[in-house]
């Protein structure tokens, strides 16, 4: 009986074979379940086994020579190829990287003895193609980014002038944005207000002395505030001094300071406002009221930038931008000998004149609406709008007190209003506020062009005429009709048409 026949007849042999087959099947199933590419190579470089992942990547190469299909170097393995470990005798290697065809892999190898006693090498690979491509893309992006940054840095480093220009452009844009916000503080869209805003924008950045003129209540302090906010000294101190509110001796010490012992009560040296605001801006309001002595002292500041404290002979240099404001005609004061001509020239380098409200009636509705909104919030009133008859009355008034007077009228009206609409009874305009004889009615109502028809504007005018005539005659319709040269019945019809109740007429 042959050797093979003896083995097949031996029960122990069958048992061992079944056990080996079971182990092989289990091992094969285990390897097939792995995502890694697993290849077993015999010592003659023949591929003994490939798991499913390996077959999916390279195709079925079992029983073929590994160097013919898995090695990029041709018919023999080089040191950089993973297959050189098949014959190197290494038991196990560290993870390395290589490329097989178009597939990038990281691999490790381990040699072991098979169940038949043959020498095998297990090649375990992980497909890193996607990762390698991503790394290449990141590296390429990084190189491009570095190049872009390098180019930009080179551009910025070409000259110092380029960087300064960029910085200046940013500063200019920031200042323009700030000015746009500040410009909203000045209510009005008339040509005179647009010219005023343009003038402020043009001169604000300079350090030139500016004289702000205009009647009382026109908003000279508001203009000074805007000039300071838009200037290059906007982040520096800003002080306002009312020259009319302080007597002459106190004004000098207040502006220029004093030395210890300069006068009774001067127990220590004291800095004046010019020293305190050094580097910033000072507003001298009511400049036309200062005395000749103060005019001479102020001229020294404007000419040389120097001040002298009261009680001292030493001149101190200060860097202060001066804004001056007055409602007086300085040129006439010069002619009358009450104001120094040389100081007038120093102050009047740039003159900003604020027109009175009666010369810019186009702005009146916008300003009145602004004050209504402001005092509606302040008094927590539910005032929605100004009725047309109220607007008509406002347009007919001459506003000798200018914006301040208008604000006071609207403030009182909002406070006195009982409902959500301001009525005739809520509006009180002083007797001094009469319509200027030289003021054309068409100029007063031109702001309504495009908003109302001619018929509506004519009706508004007729209503105002009737109200004024009835007020003059203490609501006596017969006398009013006589003065208006219309019949009493026709007058009553108009009174009814315009909603003028008897109670309202009696209160006029």
Protein backbone atom coordinates (compact mmCIF):
# COMPACT_ATOMS: atom_id res chain seq x y z
CA UNK A 1 0.00 0.00 0.00
CA UNK A 2 1.45 3.36 -1.03
CA UNK A 3 2.23 6.25 1.30
CA UNK A 4 -0.69 8.36 0.05
CA UNK A 5 -3.08 5.45 0.44
CA UNK A 6 -1.97 5.01 4.03
CA UNK A 7 -2.63 8.68 4.77
CA UNK A 8 -6.07 8.56 3.25
CA UNK A 9 -6.95 5.48 5.26
CA UNK A 10 -5.82 7.09 8.50
CA UNK A 11 -8.73 8.77 10.40
CA UNK A 12 -6.34 11.14 12.15
CA UNK A 13 -5.15 12.39 8.81
CA UNK A 14 -8.70 13.25 7.72
CA UNK A 15 -9.30 15.01 10.97
CA UNK A 16 -6.14 17.12 10.61
CA UNK A 17 -7.02 17.91 6.99
CA UNK A 18 -10.50 19.05 7.92
CA UNK A 19 -8.99 21.21 10.63
CA UNK A 20 -6.49 22.72 8.23
CA UNK A 21 -9.24 23.33 5.66
CA UNK A 22 -11.35 25.01 8.32
CA UNK A 23 -8.51 27.25 9.37
CA UNK A 24 -7.76 28.09 5.75
CA UNK A 25 -11.43 28.95 5.09
CA UNK A 26 -11.66 31.07 8.23
CA UNK A 27 -8.42 32.83 7.43
CA UNK A 28 -9.54 33.43 3.84
CA UNK A 29 -12.88 34.85 5.03
CA UNK A 30 -11.07 37.08 7.50
CA UNK A 31 -8.70 38.43 4.88
CA UNK A 32 -11.55 38.96 2.39
CA UNK A 33 -13.38 41.10 4.91
CA UNK A 34 -10.45 43.51 5.24
CA UNK A 35 -10.38 46.80 3.30
CA UNK A 36 -6.60 46.52 3.07
CA UNK A 37 -5.10 44.90 -0.04
CA UNK A 38 -3.61 41.59 1.12
CA UNK A 39 -1.35 39.48 -1.13
CA UNK A 40 0.55 36.27 -0.22
CA UNK A 41 3.73 35.65 -2.24
CA UNK A 42 5.74 32.45 -2.31
CA UNK A 43 9.53 32.42 -2.23
CA UNK A 44 9.63 31.93 -6.01
CA UNK A 45 7.79 35.29 -6.43
CA UNK A 46 4.54 33.55 -7.38
CA UNK A 47 1.36 35.10 -6.05
CA UNK A 48 -0.31 32.51 -3.88
CA UNK A 49 -3.34 34.47 -2.59
CA UNK A 50 -5.16 37.79 -3.03
CA UNK A 51 -8.08 38.99 -0.95
CA UNK A 52 -11.13 40.63 -2.53
CA UNK A 53 -9.81 44.19 -2.04
CA UNK A 54 -6.55 43.30 -3.80
CA UNK A 55 -8.36 41.58 -6.69
CA UNK A 56 -10.64 44.63 -7.04
CA UNK A 57 -7.62 46.92 -7.26
CA UNK A 58 -5.19 44.88 -9.42
CA UNK A 59 -7.30 42.09 -10.93
CA UNK A 60 -6.84 38.35 -10.25
CA UNK A 61 -3.06 37.76 -10.40
CA UNK A 62 -2.92 34.43 -8.51
CA UNK A 63 -0.30 31.96 -9.77
CA UNK A 64 1.45 34.78 -11.63
CA UNK A 65 4.84 36.27 -10.96
CA UNK A 66 4.57 39.29 -8.72
CA UNK A 67 7.34 41.29 -10.36
CA UNK A 68 5.59 41.06 -13.74
CA UNK A 69 2.41 42.73 -12.45
CA UNK A 70 3.02 44.50 -9.14
CA UNK A 71 6.43 46.03 -9.71
CA UNK A 72 6.84 49.32 -11.65
CA UNK A 73 10.52 48.64 -12.32
CA UNK A 74 10.05 45.97 -14.99
CA UNK A 75 11.33 42.42 -14.73
CA UNK A 76 13.05 42.72 -11.39
CA UNK A 77 12.34 44.39 -8.07
CA UNK A 78 14.30 47.45 -6.99
CA UNK A 79 14.95 48.61 -3.45
CA UNK A 80 12.08 51.09 -3.57
CA UNK A 81 9.60 48.31 -4.53
CA UNK A 82 7.75 46.46 -1.77
CA UNK A 83 8.43 43.13 -3.46
CA UNK A 84 12.13 43.23 -2.71
CA UNK A 85 11.14 42.09 0.79
CA UNK A 86 10.01 38.73 -0.62
CA UNK A 87 13.62 37.62 -0.95
CA UNK A 88 15.23 39.93 1.60
CA UNK A 89 14.65 37.58 4.47
CA UNK A 90 13.13 40.31 6.67
CA UNK A 91 10.50 38.96 9.02
CA UNK A 92 8.59 42.26 9.19
CA UNK A 93 9.01 45.79 7.84
CA UNK A 94 7.88 49.28 8.83
CA UNK A 95 5.15 50.98 6.80
CA UNK A 96 6.43 52.44 3.52
CA UNK A 97 4.90 54.03 0.42
CA UNK A 98 5.11 53.18 -3.26
CA UNK A 99 3.12 53.33 -6.48
CA UNK A 100 1.80 50.31 -8.35
CA UNK A 101 0.44 51.36 -11.72
CA UNK A 102 -1.83 54.31 -11.01
CA UNK A 103 -2.44 53.29 -7.43
CA UNK A 104 -0.55 54.84 -4.53
CA UNK A 105 -0.21 52.50 -1.57
CA UNK A 106 1.36 52.34 1.86
CA UNK A 107 2.51 48.82 2.69
CA UNK A 108 4.08 46.52 5.23
CA UNK A 109 5.43 43.02 4.71
CA UNK A 110 5.77 40.06 7.01
CA UNK A 111 7.37 36.65 6.24
CA UNK A 112 6.00 33.44 7.76
CA UNK A 113 5.84 29.72 7.15
CA UNK A 114 2.74 28.22 5.55
CA UNK A 115 0.83 25.22 6.81
CA UNK A 116 2.65 23.09 4.25
CA UNK A 117 5.97 24.33 5.53
CA UNK A 118 6.68 26.68 2.59
CA UNK A 119 8.05 30.23 3.09
CA UNK A 120 5.51 32.97 2.33
CA UNK A 121 5.51 36.75 2.44
CA UNK A 122 2.32 38.64 3.32
CA UNK A 123 2.08 42.01 1.59
CA UNK A 124 -0.51 44.26 3.26
CA UNK A 125 -1.26 47.45 1.37
CA UNK A 126 -3.62 50.38 1.92
CA UNK A 127 -4.85 52.42 -1.05
CA UNK A 128 -3.79 56.01 -0.38
CA UNK A 129 -4.33 57.33 -3.90
CA UNK A 130 -7.06 59.74 -2.87
CA UNK A 131 -5.01 61.03 0.03
CA UNK A 132 -1.95 61.54 -2.19
CA UNK A 133 -4.01 63.49 -4.71
CA UNK A 134 -5.40 65.64 -1.90
CA UNK A 135 -1.91 66.23 -0.58
CA UNK A 136 -0.77 67.25 -4.05
CA UNK A 137 -3.73 69.63 -4.37
CA UNK A 138 -3.03 71.15 -0.94
CA UNK A 139 0.66 71.49 -1.78
CA UNK A 140 -0.19 73.11 -5.10
CA UNK A 141 -2.66 75.45 -3.42
CA UNK A 142 -0.09 76.26 -0.75
CA UNK A 143 2.51 77.00 -3.40
CA UNK A 144 0.07 79.19 -5.31
CA UNK A 145 -1.00 80.97 -2.13
CA UNK A 146 2.59 81.54 -1.13
CA UNK A 147 3.31 82.89 -4.58
CA UNK A 148 0.32 85.22 -4.43
CA UNK A 149 1.34 86.47 -1.02
CA UNK A 150 4.91 86.85 -2.16
CA UNK A 151 3.79 88.88 -5.16
CA UNK A 152 1.62 91.08 -2.96
CA UNK A 153 4.42 91.60 -0.47
CA UNK A 154 6.75 92.47 -3.31
CA UNK A 155 4.25 95.00 -4.62
CA UNK A 156 3.84 96.57 -1.19
CA UNK A 157 7.58 96.64 -0.66
CA UNK A 158 8.35 98.22 -4.01
CA UNK A 159 8.11 101.73 -2.61
CA UNK A 160 7.10 103.36 0.63
CA UNK A 161 4.98 105.74 -1.38
CA UNK A 162 2.60 102.97 -2.46
CA UNK A 163 1.89 101.99 1.15
CA UNK A 164 1.36 105.60 2.16
CA UNK A 165 -1.07 106.14 -0.71
CA UNK A 166 -3.08 103.07 0.29
CA UNK A 167 -3.22 104.29 3.87
CA UNK A 168 -4.28 107.75 2.76
CA UNK A 169 -7.04 106.30 0.56
CA UNK A 170 -8.40 104.30 3.49
CA UNK A 171 -8.34 107.39 5.70
CA UNK A 172 -10.09 109.43 3.01
CA UNK A 173 -12.82 106.81 2.63
CA UNK A 174 -13.31 106.64 6.40
CA UNK A 175 -13.55 110.41 6.65
CA UNK A 176 -16.06 110.51 3.78
CA UNK A 177 -18.22 107.94 5.52
CA UNK A 178 -18.02 109.90 8.76
CA UNK A 179 -18.92 113.13 6.99
CA UNK A 180 -21.89 111.47 5.36
CA UNK A 181 -23.15 110.45 8.79
CA UNK A 182 -22.44 113.88 10.28
CA UNK A 183 -24.16 115.62 7.35
CA UNK A 184 -27.44 114.00 8.42
CA UNK A 185 -27.32 116.16 11.56
CA UNK A 186 -28.08 119.20 9.40
CA UNK A 187 -31.71 119.04 8.37
CA UNK A 188 -32.63 120.51 5.00
CA UNK A 189 -32.36 119.84 1.28
CA UNK A 190 -32.52 123.39 -0.08
CA UNK A 191 -29.72 124.68 -2.30
CA UNK A 192 -28.47 126.96 0.47
CA UNK A 193 -28.18 124.03 2.87
CA UNK A 194 -26.43 121.89 0.26
CA UNK A 195 -23.97 124.73 -0.36
CA UNK A 196 -23.45 125.06 3.39
CA UNK A 197 -22.68 121.34 3.78
CA UNK A 198 -20.28 121.47 0.83
CA UNK A 199 -18.52 124.47 2.37
CA UNK A 200 -18.08 122.67 5.69
CA UNK A 201 -16.78 119.58 3.94
CA UNK A 202 -14.29 121.69 1.97
CA UNK A 203 -12.75 123.64 4.87
CA UNK A 204 -13.11 121.27 7.83
CA UNK A 205 -9.80 119.43 7.37
CA UNK A 206 -7.72 122.59 7.21
CA UNK A 207 -6.44 124.35 10.33
CA UNK A 208 -7.63 127.74 9.09
CA UNK A 209 -9.54 130.03 11.42
CA UNK A 210 -13.24 130.08 10.52
CA UNK A 211 -15.77 132.81 11.28
CA UNK A 212 -19.35 131.52 11.50
CA UNK A 213 -21.97 134.24 11.07
CA UNK A 214 -25.74 134.27 11.11
CA UNK A 215 -28.75 135.49 13.03
CA UNK A 216 -29.54 134.17 16.49
CA UNK A 217 -31.05 130.71 16.40
CA UNK A 218 -29.75 129.71 12.96
CA UNK A 219 -27.49 126.93 14.30
CA UNK A 220 -23.99 128.40 14.47
CA UNK A 221 -22.96 126.02 17.24
CA UNK A 222 -24.19 123.06 15.21
CA UNK A 223 -21.98 124.17 12.29
CA UNK A 224 -19.00 124.47 14.66
CA UNK A 225 -19.65 120.96 15.94
CA UNK A 226 -19.72 119.57 12.40
CA UNK A 227 -16.49 121.35 11.47
CA UNK A 228 -14.74 119.88 14.51
CA UNK A 229 -16.07 116.36 13.87
CA UNK A 230 -14.91 116.45 10.25
CA UNK A 231 -11.51 117.99 11.03
CA UNK A 232 -8.13 116.33 11.55
CA UNK A 233 -8.46 117.28 15.23
CA UNK A 234 -11.70 115.36 15.76
CA UNK A 235 -10.05 113.13 18.38
CA UNK A 236 -8.58 116.11 20.25
CA UNK A 237 -10.24 118.34 22.90
CA UNK A 238 -13.01 120.74 21.86
CA UNK A 239 -14.09 123.60 24.13
CA UNK A 240 -16.80 126.24 23.66
CA UNK A 241 -16.62 129.65 25.30
CA UNK A 242 -19.45 132.20 25.28
CA UNK A 243 -17.56 135.49 25.31
CA UNK A 244 -20.73 137.42 26.18
CA UNK A 245 -21.43 135.39 29.32
CA UNK A 246 -18.15 136.26 31.10
CA UNK A 247 -16.98 139.74 32.02
CA UNK A 248 -13.77 141.04 30.48
CA UNK A 249 -11.34 140.43 33.37
CA UNK A 250 -12.61 136.93 34.05
CA UNK A 251 -12.65 136.08 30.33
CA UNK A 252 -8.93 136.88 29.98
CA UNK A 253 -7.92 134.68 32.91
CA UNK A 254 -10.35 131.98 31.80
CA UNK A 255 -8.88 131.82 28.29
CA UNK A 256 -5.19 132.42 29.02
CA UNK A 257 -4.80 131.31 32.65
CA UNK A 258 -3.08 133.20 35.45
CA UNK A 259 -0.05 133.11 37.72
CA UNK A 260 -0.11 132.80 41.47
CA UNK A 261 -0.74 136.18 43.04
CA UNK A 262 -1.92 137.76 39.78
CA UNK A 263 -5.05 139.01 41.58
CA UNK A 264 -6.89 138.53 44.83
CA UNK A 265 -7.81 134.88 45.19
CA UNK A 266 -5.14 133.62 42.76
CA UNK A 267 -3.53 131.24 45.25
CA UNK A 268 -1.90 129.04 42.63
CA UNK A 269 -0.98 128.95 38.98
CA UNK A 270 -3.93 128.07 36.77
CA UNK A 271 -3.97 126.96 33.13
CA UNK A 272 -6.40 128.68 30.79
CA UNK A 273 -8.66 127.10 28.21
CA UNK A 274 -6.14 127.62 25.40
CA UNK A 275 -3.55 125.54 27.27
CA UNK A 276 -6.14 122.95 28.26
CA UNK A 277 -7.32 122.48 24.68
CA UNK A 278 -3.77 122.54 23.21
CA UNK A 279 -3.77 120.43 20.04
CA UNK A 280 -7.54 120.67 19.71
CA UNK A 281 -10.21 123.23 18.80
CA UNK A 282 -11.85 126.13 20.62
CA UNK A 283 -15.10 127.90 19.71
CA UNK A 284 -15.31 131.57 20.71
CA UNK A 285 -19.03 132.32 20.54
CA UNK A 286 -20.32 135.92 20.49
CA UNK A 287 -16.85 137.10 19.43
CA UNK A 288 -18.24 140.54 18.55
CA UNK A 289 -18.77 141.35 22.25
CA UNK A 290 -15.14 141.14 23.43
CA UNK A 291 -13.36 144.26 24.66
CA UNK A 292 -10.45 146.01 22.87
CA UNK A 293 -8.01 144.53 25.41
CA UNK A 294 -9.25 141.01 24.69
CA UNK A 295 -9.13 141.74 20.97
CA UNK A 296 -5.40 142.54 21.26
CA UNK A 297 -4.72 139.38 23.28
CA UNK A 298 -6.66 137.25 20.84
CA UNK A 299 -4.80 138.80 17.89
CA UNK A 300 -1.52 137.59 19.44
CA UNK A 301 -2.84 134.04 19.51
CA UNK A 302 -3.97 134.19 15.89
CA UNK A 303 -0.73 135.77 14.64
CA UNK A 304 1.92 133.89 16.61
CA UNK A 305 0.11 131.07 18.40
CA UNK A 306 1.18 132.61 21.73
CA UNK A 307 -0.66 133.39 24.96
CA UNK A 308 0.44 135.22 28.11
CA UNK A 309 -1.04 134.24 31.45
CA UNK A 310 -2.48 137.01 33.57
CA UNK A 311 0.30 138.21 35.88
CA UNK A 312 3.11 136.90 33.65
CA UNK A 313 5.36 138.37 30.97
CA UNK A 314 6.35 135.02 29.47
CA UNK A 315 4.73 133.98 26.20
CA UNK A 316 3.59 130.36 25.85
CA UNK A 317 3.15 128.67 22.49
CA UNK A 318 -0.10 126.78 21.88
CA UNK A 319 -1.44 124.84 18.91
CA UNK A 320 -5.17 125.51 18.85
CA UNK A 321 -7.58 125.85 15.95
CA UNK A 322 -9.94 128.77 16.51
CA UNK A 323 -13.57 128.85 15.41
CA UNK A 324 -15.43 132.11 16.06
CA UNK A 325 -19.16 132.78 15.87
CA UNK A 326 -21.25 135.92 16.00
CA UNK A 327 -24.65 137.28 15.06
CA UNK A 328 -23.22 140.78 14.73
CA UNK A 329 -21.95 142.52 11.60
CA UNK A 330 -18.21 142.68 12.35
CA UNK A 331 -17.51 144.76 9.24
CA UNK A 332 -19.88 147.45 10.55
CA UNK A 333 -18.26 147.23 13.99
CA UNK A 334 -14.92 147.86 12.32
CA UNK A 335 -16.34 150.93 10.55
CA UNK A 336 -17.73 152.19 13.86
CA UNK A 337 -14.33 151.70 15.53
CA UNK A 338 -15.59 149.02 17.92
CA UNK A 339 -13.63 146.12 16.45
CA UNK A 340 -10.01 145.88 15.32
CA UNK A 341 -9.55 145.68 11.57
CA UNK A 342 -6.46 143.43 11.83
CA UNK A 343 -8.33 140.99 14.11
CA UNK A 344 -11.28 141.01 11.72
CA UNK A 345 -8.99 140.00 8.85
CA UNK A 346 -7.46 137.22 10.98
CA UNK A 347 -10.87 135.87 11.96
CA UNK A 348 -12.46 136.26 8.55
CA UNK A 349 -10.05 134.01 6.61
CA UNK A 350 -12.99 131.72 5.91
CA UNK A 351 -16.51 132.96 6.51
CA UNK A 352 -19.41 130.55 6.76
CA UNK A 353 -22.70 132.37 6.74
CA UNK A 354 -25.83 130.50 7.84
CA UNK A 355 -28.93 131.84 6.07
CA UNK A 356 -32.00 132.62 8.22
CA UNK A 357 -34.94 130.25 8.11
CA UNK A 358 -37.11 132.70 6.17
CA UNK A 359 -34.61 132.49 3.27
CA UNK A 360 -34.78 128.71 3.05
CA UNK A 361 -38.44 127.86 3.55
CA UNK A 362 -37.92 124.73 1.45
CA UNK A 363 -36.34 123.21 4.58
CA UNK A 364 -39.11 124.19 6.96
CA UNK A 365 -41.27 121.09 6.51
CA UNK A 366 -38.30 118.75 6.91
CA UNK A 367 -37.16 120.57 10.06
CA UNK A 368 -40.64 120.67 11.56
CA UNK A 369 -41.06 116.95 10.90
CA UNK A 370 -37.68 116.28 12.51
CA UNK A 371 -38.67 118.18 15.67
CA UNK A 372 -42.05 116.42 15.80
CA UNK A 373 -40.29 113.03 15.75
CA UNK A 374 -37.77 114.16 18.36
CA UNK A 375 -40.28 115.50 20.86
CA UNK A 376 -42.74 112.70 20.16
CA UNK A 377 -40.14 110.34 21.60
CA UNK A 378 -39.17 112.75 24.39
CA UNK A 379 -42.77 113.30 25.56
CA UNK A 380 -43.95 109.78 24.64
CA UNK A 381 -46.73 111.15 22.46
CA UNK A 382 -48.39 109.36 19.55
CA UNK A 383 -48.13 112.21 17.04
CA UNK A 384 -48.21 110.87 13.49
CA UNK A 385 -47.89 113.92 11.22
CA UNK A 386 -48.42 117.65 10.77
CA UNK A 387 -51.74 118.53 9.08
CA UNK A 388 -51.68 120.66 5.95
CA UNK A 389 -53.32 123.62 7.67
CA UNK A 390 -50.56 123.62 10.31
CA UNK A 391 -47.88 123.45 7.61
CA UNK A 392 -49.57 126.37 5.88
CA UNK A 393 -49.36 128.46 9.06
CA UNK A 394 -45.72 127.58 9.53
CA UNK A 395 -44.92 128.61 5.95
CA UNK A 396 -46.65 131.97 6.39
CA UNK A 397 -44.64 132.88 9.49
CA UNK A 398 -41.45 134.96 9.14
CA UNK A 399 -39.48 133.13 11.91
CA UNK A 400 -37.38 135.96 13.36
CA UNK A 401 -36.09 133.46 15.94
CA UNK A 402 -35.08 131.07 13.15
CA UNK A 403 -34.60 127.36 13.89
CA UNK A 404 -34.65 127.90 17.66
CA UNK A 405 -38.08 129.52 17.42
CA UNK A 406 -39.41 126.74 15.18
CA UNK A 407 -38.14 124.13 17.60
CA UNK A 408 -39.83 125.86 20.53
CA UNK A 409 -43.13 126.09 18.62
CA UNK A 410 -43.07 122.40 17.69
CA UNK A 411 -41.99 121.37 21.18
CA UNK A 412 -44.94 123.20 22.72
CA UNK A 413 -47.36 121.86 20.10
CA UNK A 414 -46.33 118.24 20.70
CA UNK A 415 -46.56 118.72 24.45
CA UNK A 416 -50.00 120.36 24.28
CA UNK A 417 -51.51 117.98 21.70
CA UNK A 418 -54.27 115.87 23.21
CA UNK A 419 -54.68 113.45 20.32
CA UNK A 420 -52.44 111.98 17.65
CA UNK A 421 -52.78 115.08 15.45
CA UNK A 422 -51.53 118.59 16.19
CA UNK A 423 -54.40 121.09 15.89
CA UNK A 424 -54.66 124.86 15.44
CA UNK A 425 -55.09 125.29 19.20
CA UNK A 426 -51.74 123.57 19.85
CA UNK A 427 -49.75 125.92 17.64
CA UNK A 428 -48.78 129.21 19.23
CA UNK A 429 -46.67 131.72 17.29
CA UNK A 430 -45.71 134.96 19.00
CA UNK A 431 -47.01 138.29 17.81
CA UNK A 432 -43.51 139.35 16.74
CA UNK A 433 -43.58 136.64 14.11
CA UNK A 434 -45.33 138.48 11.31
CA UNK A 435 -44.97 137.78 7.65
CA UNK A 436 -42.36 139.96 6.01
CA UNK A 437 -43.99 142.41 3.54
CA UNK A 438 -41.18 141.73 1.11
CA UNK A 439 -41.72 137.98 1.24
CA UNK A 440 -43.60 136.67 -1.78
CA UNK A 441 -46.31 134.13 -0.88
CA UNK A 442 -45.39 132.01 -3.91
CA UNK A 443 -41.88 131.60 -2.53
CA UNK A 444 -43.34 130.43 0.76
CA UNK A 445 -45.51 127.70 -0.71
CA UNK A 446 -43.22 126.56 -3.53
CA UNK A 447 -42.19 123.59 -1.43
CA UNK A 448 -45.69 122.21 -2.03
CA UNK A 449 -45.26 122.11 -5.80
CA UNK A 450 -45.67 118.56 -6.99
CA UNK A 451 -47.35 117.56 -3.71
CA UNK A 452 -50.62 119.47 -4.08
CA UNK A 453 -52.68 120.68 -6.97
CA UNK A 454 -53.23 124.37 -7.69
CA UNK A 455 -56.81 124.02 -6.50
CA UNK A 456 -55.69 122.56 -3.17
CA UNK A 457 -53.03 125.25 -2.60
CA UNK A 458 -55.53 127.97 -3.47
CA UNK A 459 -58.03 126.49 -1.01
CA UNK A 460 -55.39 126.40 1.73
CA UNK A 461 -54.60 130.05 1.11
CA UNK A 462 -58.29 131.00 1.15
CA UNK A 463 -58.75 129.12 4.43
CA UNK A 464 -55.83 130.98 6.05
CA UNK A 465 -57.18 134.33 4.86
CA UNK A 466 -60.62 133.56 6.35
CA UNK A 467 -59.07 132.43 9.66
CA UNK A 468 -56.95 135.56 9.96
CA UNK A 469 -59.88 137.83 9.11
CA UNK A 470 -62.14 136.10 11.65
CA UNK A 471 -59.39 136.31 14.29
CA UNK A 472 -59.03 140.02 13.61
CA UNK A 473 -62.81 140.57 13.98
CA UNK A 474 -63.15 138.29 17.04
CA UNK A 475 -65.09 135.66 15.06
CA UNK A 476 -67.74 138.16 13.91
CA UNK A 477 -68.75 136.65 10.57
CA UNK A 478 -70.72 139.74 9.46
CA UNK A 479 -67.74 142.08 9.89
CA UNK A 480 -65.38 139.52 8.32
CA UNK A 481 -67.68 139.13 5.31
CA UNK A 482 -67.78 142.90 4.95
CA UNK A 483 -63.99 143.20 4.97
CA UNK A 484 -63.62 140.27 2.58
CA UNK A 485 -66.32 141.82 0.36
CA UNK A 486 -68.38 138.63 0.12
CA UNK A 487 -71.85 137.77 1.30
CA UNK A 488 -72.41 136.42 4.80
CA UNK A 489 -74.05 133.26 3.39
CA UNK A 490 -71.07 132.66 1.10
CA UNK A 491 -68.68 133.12 4.04
CA UNK A 492 -70.60 130.62 6.17
CA UNK A 493 -70.51 128.14 3.29
CA UNK A 494 -66.73 128.45 3.11
CA UNK A 495 -66.44 128.17 6.91
CA UNK A 496 -68.41 124.93 6.75
CA UNK A 497 -66.36 123.65 3.78
CA UNK A 498 -63.08 124.18 5.63
CA UNK A 499 -64.32 122.56 8.84
CA UNK A 500 -64.09 125.69 10.99
CA UNK A 501 -66.43 125.03 13.90
CA UNK A 502 -68.16 127.87 15.86
CA UNK A 503 -66.22 126.90 18.99
CA UNK A 504 -62.96 127.29 17.15
CA UNK A 505 -64.07 130.67 15.80
CA UNK A 506 -64.93 131.96 19.29
CA UNK A 507 -61.48 131.00 20.60
CA UNK A 508 -59.70 132.91 17.87
